[in-house]
Protein backbone atom coordinates (compact mmCIF):
# COMPACT_ATOMS: atom_id res chain seq x y z
CA UNK A 1 -94.52 -115.14 -37.37
CA UNK A 2 -92.99 -112.61 -39.79
CA UNK A 3 -89.82 -110.89 -39.63
CA UNK A 4 -91.20 -107.48 -39.29
CA UNK A 5 -93.36 -108.73 -36.38
CA UNK A 6 -90.40 -110.14 -34.68
CA UNK A 7 -88.53 -107.10 -34.97
CA UNK A 8 -91.54 -105.06 -33.56
CA UNK A 9 -91.48 -107.00 -30.50
CA UNK A 10 -87.70 -106.77 -29.96
CA UNK A 11 -87.82 -103.04 -30.33
CA UNK A 12 -90.88 -102.65 -28.19
CA UNK A 13 -89.14 -104.82 -25.15
CA UNK A 14 -86.05 -102.70 -25.77
CA UNK A 15 -87.94 -99.26 -25.48
CA UNK A 16 -90.28 -100.53 -22.73
CA UNK A 17 -87.09 -101.48 -20.69
CA UNK A 18 -85.67 -98.10 -21.30
CA UNK A 19 -89.17 -96.62 -20.37
CA UNK A 20 -89.12 -98.48 -17.13
CA UNK A 21 -85.74 -96.99 -16.06
CA UNK A 22 -86.61 -93.72 -17.05
CA UNK A 23 -89.81 -93.77 -15.23
CA UNK A 24 -88.07 -94.78 -12.15
CA UNK A 25 -85.77 -91.94 -12.28
CA UNK A 26 -88.28 -89.37 -12.91
CA UNK A 27 -90.59 -90.77 -9.98
CA UNK A 28 -87.33 -90.33 -7.68
CA UNK A 29 -87.03 -86.87 -8.86
CA UNK A 30 -90.53 -85.47 -9.10
CA UNK A 31 -92.80 -87.67 -7.24
CA UNK A 32 -91.52 -90.46 -5.13
CA UNK A 33 -94.75 -91.48 -3.57
CA UNK A 34 -95.93 -92.02 -7.09
CA UNK A 35 -92.90 -94.17 -8.22
CA UNK A 36 -94.69 -97.01 -9.81
CA UNK A 37 -97.53 -95.02 -11.33
CA UNK A 38 -94.99 -93.01 -13.33
CA UNK A 39 -93.01 -96.46 -14.13
CA UNK A 40 -95.95 -98.36 -15.21
CA UNK A 41 -97.15 -95.47 -17.55
CA UNK A 42 -93.73 -94.57 -19.14
CA UNK A 43 -93.29 -98.41 -19.61
CA UNK A 44 -96.35 -98.89 -21.51
CA UNK A 45 -95.91 -95.56 -23.51
CA UNK A 46 -92.32 -96.87 -24.37
CA UNK A 47 -93.86 -100.30 -25.41
CA UNK A 48 -96.25 -98.94 -27.54
CA UNK A 49 -93.76 -96.35 -29.19
CA UNK A 50 -91.33 -98.85 -29.89
CA UNK A 51 -94.02 -101.19 -31.39
CA UNK A 52 -94.85 -98.62 -33.74
CA UNK A 53 -91.48 -97.06 -34.77
CA UNK A 54 -89.51 -100.56 -35.05
CA UNK A 55 -90.12 -100.92 -38.99
CA UNK A 56 -88.63 -97.31 -39.34
CA UNK A 57 -85.47 -98.15 -37.34
CA UNK A 58 -84.98 -101.84 -38.55
CA UNK A 59 -86.70 -103.13 -41.59
CA UNK A 60 -86.98 -100.06 -43.75
CA UNK A 61 -83.16 -98.80 -43.25
CA UNK A 62 -82.03 -102.80 -43.64
CA UNK A 63 -84.05 -102.96 -46.95
CA UNK A 64 -82.79 -99.44 -48.28
CA UNK A 65 -79.32 -100.67 -47.15
CA UNK A 66 -79.72 -103.94 -49.03
CA UNK A 67 -80.89 -102.43 -52.04
CA UNK A 68 -78.12 -99.85 -52.46
CA UNK A 69 -75.60 -102.71 -51.93
CA UNK A 70 -77.01 -104.77 -54.59
CA UNK A 71 -76.89 -101.55 -56.91
CA UNK A 72 -73.56 -101.25 -56.30
CA UNK A 73 -70.77 -102.83 -58.92
CA UNK A 74 -68.84 -105.64 -57.08
CA UNK A 75 -65.42 -103.76 -57.69
CA UNK A 76 -66.69 -100.63 -55.45
CA UNK A 77 -67.66 -102.98 -52.68
CA UNK A 78 -64.31 -104.93 -53.15
CA UNK A 79 -62.03 -101.86 -52.95
CA UNK A 80 -64.37 -100.18 -49.97
CA UNK A 81 -63.99 -103.20 -48.11
CA UNK A 82 -60.46 -102.98 -48.84
CA UNK A 83 -60.09 -99.46 -48.05
CA UNK A 84 -62.00 -100.13 -44.47
CA UNK A 85 -59.51 -102.64 -43.65
CA UNK A 86 -56.22 -100.44 -44.32
CA UNK A 87 -58.06 -97.50 -42.47
CA UNK A 88 -58.63 -99.86 -39.41
CA UNK A 89 -54.91 -101.23 -39.76
CA UNK A 90 -53.83 -97.60 -39.56
CA UNK A 91 -55.85 -96.78 -36.47
CA UNK A 92 -54.77 -99.71 -34.66
CA UNK A 93 -51.39 -98.49 -35.34
CA UNK A 94 -52.30 -95.17 -33.70
CA UNK A 95 -54.12 -96.78 -30.71
CA UNK A 96 -51.07 -97.09 -28.45
CA UNK A 97 -49.88 -93.35 -28.58
CA UNK A 98 -53.29 -91.86 -28.46
CA UNK A 99 -54.42 -94.15 -25.68
CA UNK A 100 -51.47 -92.32 -23.62
CA UNK A 101 -53.54 -88.93 -23.97
CA UNK A 102 -54.45 -87.91 -20.33
CA UNK A 103 -57.82 -88.01 -18.85
CA UNK A 104 -60.94 -88.90 -21.06
CA UNK A 105 -59.04 -88.17 -24.11
CA UNK A 106 -56.97 -91.30 -23.94
CA UNK A 107 -60.28 -93.27 -24.39
CA UNK A 108 -62.18 -91.12 -26.62
CA UNK A 109 -59.62 -90.29 -29.40
CA UNK A 110 -58.42 -93.82 -30.28
CA UNK A 111 -62.26 -94.65 -30.96
CA UNK A 112 -62.63 -91.23 -33.11
CA UNK A 113 -59.52 -92.08 -34.86
CA UNK A 114 -60.73 -95.66 -35.96
CA UNK A 115 -63.75 -94.23 -36.96
CA UNK A 116 -62.01 -91.44 -39.15
CA UNK A 117 -59.37 -93.62 -40.63
CA UNK A 118 -62.11 -96.47 -41.53
CA UNK A 119 -64.23 -93.67 -43.41
CA UNK A 120 -61.02 -92.16 -45.19
CA UNK A 121 -60.10 -95.53 -46.29
CA UNK A 122 -63.29 -96.16 -47.88
CA UNK A 123 -63.68 -92.83 -49.60
CA UNK A 124 -60.10 -92.77 -50.80
CA UNK A 125 -60.59 -96.20 -52.36
CA UNK A 126 -63.89 -95.39 -53.76
CA UNK A 127 -62.87 -92.13 -55.18
CA UNK A 128 -59.62 -93.51 -56.82
CA UNK A 129 -60.64 -96.93 -57.71
CA UNK A 130 -59.97 -96.43 -61.21
CA UNK A 131 -56.69 -95.63 -60.84
CA UNK A 132 -56.18 -98.33 -58.32
CA UNK A 133 -57.28 -101.05 -60.37
CA UNK A 134 -55.70 -100.02 -63.27
CA UNK A 135 -52.29 -99.99 -61.28
CA UNK A 136 -53.46 -103.50 -60.16
CA UNK A 137 -54.35 -104.67 -63.76
CA UNK A 138 -58.13 -105.85 -62.61
CA UNK A 139 -60.25 -103.27 -64.36
CA UNK A 140 -60.02 -104.15 -67.92
CA UNK A 141 -63.19 -106.25 -68.72
CA UNK A 142 -60.68 -108.03 -71.21
CA UNK A 143 -58.92 -111.14 -71.72
CA UNK A 144 -55.24 -110.68 -70.80
CA UNK A 145 -53.32 -109.25 -73.52
CA UNK A 146 -56.35 -107.31 -75.36
CA UNK A 147 -56.03 -103.53 -75.62
CA UNK A 148 -58.87 -101.19 -74.32
CA UNK A 149 -59.31 -99.61 -77.77
CA UNK A 150 -60.63 -103.00 -79.00
CA UNK A 151 -63.65 -102.69 -76.79
CA UNK A 152 -67.26 -101.51 -77.89
CA UNK A 153 -70.25 -101.17 -75.78
CA UNK A 154 -73.71 -102.34 -77.04
CA UNK A 155 -76.62 -100.29 -76.47
CA UNK A 156 -80.07 -101.86 -75.79
CA UNK A 157 -81.43 -100.84 -79.19
CA UNK A 158 -78.62 -102.28 -81.37
CA UNK A 159 -79.42 -105.53 -79.44
CA UNK A 160 -83.11 -105.73 -80.12
CA UNK A 161 -82.32 -104.36 -83.72
CA UNK A 162 -80.33 -107.79 -84.19
CA UNK A 163 -78.20 -106.52 -87.28
CA UNK A 164 -75.24 -106.63 -85.09
CA UNK A 165 -75.20 -110.59 -85.20
CA UNK A 166 -74.88 -110.22 -88.96
CA UNK A 167 -72.37 -107.67 -88.79
CA UNK A 168 -70.27 -109.73 -86.46
CA UNK A 169 -70.27 -112.53 -88.84
CA UNK A 170 -68.80 -110.45 -91.64
CA UNK A 171 -65.72 -109.61 -89.34
CA UNK A 172 -66.34 -105.77 -89.36
CA UNK A 173 -66.19 -105.67 -85.50
CA UNK A 174 -62.98 -106.61 -83.96
CA UNK A 175 -61.98 -107.05 -80.19
CA UNK A 176 -64.66 -107.51 -77.38
CA UNK A 177 -68.37 -106.54 -77.38
CA UNK A 178 -69.37 -105.53 -73.81
CA UNK A 179 -72.90 -105.50 -72.62
CA UNK A 180 -73.20 -103.77 -69.16
CA UNK A 181 -75.30 -105.24 -66.53
CA UNK A 182 -77.75 -102.33 -66.52
CA UNK A 183 -78.53 -103.03 -70.27
CA UNK A 184 -79.25 -106.55 -69.75
CA UNK A 185 -81.70 -105.49 -67.00
CA UNK A 186 -83.27 -103.21 -69.32
CA UNK A 187 -83.79 -105.96 -71.82
CA UNK A 188 -85.25 -108.08 -68.96
CA UNK A 189 -87.35 -105.44 -68.18
CA UNK A 190 -88.51 -104.92 -71.68
CA UNK A 191 -89.12 -108.89 -71.96
CA UNK A 192 -91.42 -108.87 -69.20
CA UNK A 193 -93.41 -106.06 -70.29
CA UNK A 194 -97.31 -106.18 -70.32
CA UNK A 195 -97.44 -104.76 -73.71
CA UNK A 196 -97.25 -107.61 -76.39
CA UNK A 197 -95.09 -105.74 -78.53
CA UNK A 198 -92.52 -104.49 -76.15
CA UNK A 199 -92.31 -107.83 -74.75
CA UNK A 200 -91.50 -109.54 -78.00
CA UNK A 201 -88.85 -106.76 -78.78
CA UNK A 202 -87.32 -107.42 -75.29
CA UNK A 203 -87.28 -111.55 -75.98
CA UNK A 204 -85.65 -110.73 -79.56
CA UNK A 205 -83.15 -108.95 -77.69
CA UNK A 206 -82.23 -111.61 -75.22
CA UNK A 207 -82.40 -114.04 -78.16
CA UNK A 208 -79.91 -112.03 -80.15
CA UNK A 209 -77.45 -111.95 -77.09
CA UNK A 210 -77.59 -115.77 -76.60
CA UNK A 211 -77.03 -116.19 -80.37
CA UNK A 212 -73.86 -113.77 -80.21
CA UNK A 213 -72.57 -115.74 -77.38
CA UNK A 214 -72.85 -118.95 -79.02
CA UNK A 215 -72.11 -118.23 -82.66
CA UNK A 216 -70.33 -114.97 -83.09
CA UNK A 217 -66.63 -114.78 -83.96
CA UNK A 218 -66.58 -111.73 -81.67
CA UNK A 219 -66.00 -112.08 -77.77
CA UNK A 220 -69.23 -111.05 -75.84
CA UNK A 221 -68.99 -110.29 -72.22
CA UNK A 222 -71.68 -109.33 -69.92
CA UNK A 223 -69.81 -106.93 -67.54
CA UNK A 224 -70.50 -105.27 -64.12
CA UNK A 225 -69.00 -102.19 -65.11
CA UNK A 226 -71.50 -99.40 -64.16
CA UNK A 227 -71.80 -95.54 -63.39
CA UNK A 228 -73.59 -95.48 -60.23
CA UNK A 229 -73.34 -91.53 -60.08
CA UNK A 230 -75.69 -91.11 -62.90
CA UNK A 231 -79.06 -92.30 -63.72
CA UNK A 232 -80.55 -93.61 -67.10
CA UNK A 233 -79.19 -96.39 -69.41
CA UNK A 234 -78.08 -93.72 -72.07
CA UNK A 235 -76.37 -91.53 -69.48
CA UNK A 236 -74.59 -94.66 -67.87
CA UNK A 237 -73.33 -95.77 -71.33
CA UNK A 238 -71.97 -92.34 -72.27
CA UNK A 239 -70.37 -91.99 -68.81
CA UNK A 240 -68.63 -95.45 -69.18
CA UNK A 241 -67.57 -95.11 -72.84
CA UNK A 242 -65.72 -91.84 -71.57
CA UNK A 243 -63.93 -93.67 -68.93
CA UNK A 244 -62.98 -96.65 -70.97
CA UNK A 245 -62.32 -94.38 -74.18
CA UNK A 246 -64.33 -96.73 -76.31
CA UNK A 247 -67.07 -96.43 -79.08
CA UNK A 248 -70.71 -97.14 -78.55
CA UNK A 249 -72.54 -99.28 -80.98
CA UNK A 250 -76.15 -97.95 -81.44
CA UNK A 251 -79.14 -97.21 -83.80
CA UNK A 252 -80.71 -94.71 -81.18
CA UNK A 253 -80.71 -91.12 -82.57
CA UNK A 254 -81.00 -89.52 -79.33
CA UNK A 255 -78.33 -91.45 -77.85
CA UNK A 256 -75.98 -90.85 -81.03
CA UNK A 257 -76.36 -86.98 -80.54
CA UNK A 258 -75.62 -87.05 -76.85
CA UNK A 259 -72.51 -89.22 -77.40
CA UNK A 260 -71.28 -87.27 -80.06
CA UNK A 261 -71.95 -83.77 -77.74
CA UNK A 262 -69.77 -85.51 -75.05
CA UNK A 263 -67.05 -86.53 -77.33
CA UNK A 264 -67.57 -90.24 -77.49
CA UNK A 265 -67.32 -92.19 -80.79
CA UNK A 266 -70.63 -93.79 -82.02
CA UNK A 267 -70.80 -96.66 -84.33
CA UNK A 268 -74.54 -96.24 -85.68
CA UNK A 269 -75.89 -99.09 -87.65
CA UNK A 270 -78.24 -97.14 -89.41
CA UNK A 271 -75.49 -95.13 -90.89
CA UNK A 272 -73.57 -98.26 -91.74
CA UNK A 273 -76.47 -99.48 -93.71
CA UNK A 274 -76.69 -96.14 -95.33
CA UNK A 275 -73.16 -96.12 -96.18
CA UNK A 276 -72.84 -99.53 -97.86
CA UNK A 277 -75.96 -99.42 -100.14
CA UNK A 278 -75.52 -99.26 -103.81
CA UNK A 279 -74.45 -96.19 -105.34
CA UNK A 280 -75.96 -95.20 -108.72
CA UNK A 281 -75.91 -92.11 -110.61
CA UNK A 282 -78.17 -90.29 -112.85
CA UNK A 283 -77.94 -91.62 -116.35
CA UNK A 284 -77.04 -95.19 -115.36
CA UNK A 285 -79.09 -98.26 -116.28
CA UNK A 286 -80.10 -100.48 -113.75
CA UNK A 287 -82.38 -103.45 -113.62
CA UNK A 288 -85.27 -104.04 -111.21
CA UNK A 289 -88.46 -105.92 -110.56
CA UNK A 290 -91.49 -103.62 -110.28
CA UNK A 291 -93.54 -105.19 -107.47
CA UNK A 292 -96.24 -102.50 -106.46
CA UNK A 293 -97.89 -99.39 -107.62
CA UNK A 294 -96.43 -96.00 -106.45
CA UNK A 295 -98.24 -92.96 -104.76
CA UNK A 296 -98.48 -90.96 -107.97
CA UNK A 297 -100.59 -92.19 -111.11
CA UNK A 298 -98.69 -94.25 -113.33
CA UNK A 299 -95.73 -94.83 -110.81
CA UNK A 300 -94.26 -98.45 -110.20
CA UNK A 301 -92.29 -99.27 -107.18
CA UNK A 302 -89.10 -101.59 -106.80
CA UNK A 303 -86.42 -102.31 -104.31
CA UNK A 304 -82.64 -103.16 -104.65
CA UNK A 305 -81.50 -106.02 -102.61
CA UNK A 306 -80.16 -103.61 -99.86
CA UNK A 307 -83.73 -102.28 -99.27
CA UNK A 308 -83.35 -99.05 -101.58
CA UNK A 309 -86.47 -97.97 -102.94
CA UNK A 310 -86.78 -97.16 -106.87
CA UNK A 311 -89.76 -95.17 -107.94
CA UNK A 312 -90.03 -95.95 -111.92
CA UNK A 313 -92.47 -93.50 -114.05
CA UNK A 314 -94.68 -94.83 -116.43
CA UNK A 315 -94.53 -98.56 -115.09
CA UNK A 316 -97.90 -99.22 -113.71
CA UNK A 317 -98.58 -101.93 -116.36
CA UNK A 318 -95.14 -103.38 -115.65
CA UNK A 319 -95.96 -104.73 -112.11
CA UNK A 320 -94.38 -108.15 -111.35
CA UNK A 321 -91.86 -107.68 -114.18
CA UNK A 322 -88.22 -107.31 -114.26
CA UNK A 323 -87.15 -104.53 -116.46
CA UNK A 324 -84.33 -102.02 -117.28
CA UNK A 325 -84.78 -98.49 -116.15
CA UNK A 326 -82.66 -95.45 -116.32
CA UNK A 327 -81.82 -93.38 -113.29
CA UNK A 328 -83.07 -89.84 -113.42
CA UNK A 329 -82.19 -88.68 -109.90
CA UNK A 330 -81.29 -89.72 -106.57
CA UNK A 331 -82.93 -88.43 -103.27
CA UNK A 332 -81.14 -88.79 -99.85
CA UNK A 333 -83.72 -88.35 -97.18
CA UNK A 334 -83.81 -89.19 -93.20
CA UNK A 335 -85.17 -92.48 -93.83
CA UNK A 336 -82.59 -93.55 -96.54
CA UNK A 337 -81.73 -93.34 -100.22
CA UNK A 338 -84.71 -93.05 -102.87
CA UNK A 339 -84.14 -93.34 -106.37
CA UNK A 340 -86.25 -92.25 -109.38
CA UNK A 341 -86.19 -93.74 -112.81
CA UNK A 342 -87.91 -94.41 -116.02
CA UNK A 343 -88.26 -97.36 -118.42
CA UNK A 344 -85.19 -97.64 -120.51
C-alpha cells in the first residue's frame, strides 16, 4: 500500500465522519423522519470527496514544502528556527498578562500573540540574517583569520574551461575560491545530460574541481551560500558577489557584461590569456615554424607558444620549416591577436 493511498483512506474516514455529523444535524433541522437517509447520503458523499481531494491537502503540499525546504540554504533554516524560538519565548512571557483580559479575549489574544510573535521572529531573523550572522562571526565562508576580500567566486564556465587549475599553480590567485552549491548542481546537471558533448563538458568540470581540491595551492570551498530571492545561476552569482564584495572568475561574455553593469568585479580568463600573450611590434624579427597554408594564395600560417596566429606572406613553400620573419602589422580581433609577417 502506497503512502498516497494511506493518506486517501485517512482523509476519507475523517471527511466521512464529518459528513455523518453534518447529515445528522441537517436531518434534525429539515426532515427528521428521513434522518438516516440524510446521514448515509452525506456520509458517502463526504467519503468520496475525501478520497478524491486527499492528495491535494496532504501529499502535494508536503512535497512542495519539502522541495522548498531543500532549496533553502542551511543558514536561513537556522536563523528562521532561532527567530521562531525567540518569538515563542516572548509570547510565553506575554501569556500571563494577556490571559487576564475579560471574556473570550483572555483565551483568544494569547493564541494570536503566539502566532504573531512567532512569525515576526522568523521574518526579522530572515530579513536581517546577514547582519546577525556577521555579528556572530559565522557568515564568512572562510577559515579563521581570512579576509573576505581574498574570496573569489567560480563560474560554471571557468570550471569547465579548466585553465583555472593551471592559473592556481602559478600563484596568481590568493585566498579562497568558492564554488556555490548551485554551480555544483549545474555542473552535475550538465554531466548527466543526454547530449554527449554536454555530458563530457560537465564531467570535465567535475574532474577539474576534484583536481583543484587535491592539488591546488589555493583553498577551494563548496559553499551553501545562495541567493534564493533570484533565479538563474548567473543572477545568483552576481547577487552573491555584491553581498560578499568579491570578484567573479569567469570566461562567459554575457556574465562579464552583466556583472560589470551591476558594479561587480570580474576576473575574465580570456582577457588574462590575451594580456599575457607575447607583444611584438611591426618591424621586429621573430622565429616561427610554418605548419599549414593560409586562406590567401601563397600564405603560410604558424603559431607562437601562447597560441597567437602568425600569417606569413609568400611562405607556402616553407611549410614545416622554421624561419625568421619580419612583423608587418598586428591585428587585434575579438578572437585574439593576429600577426602578419613576411620572410626575412
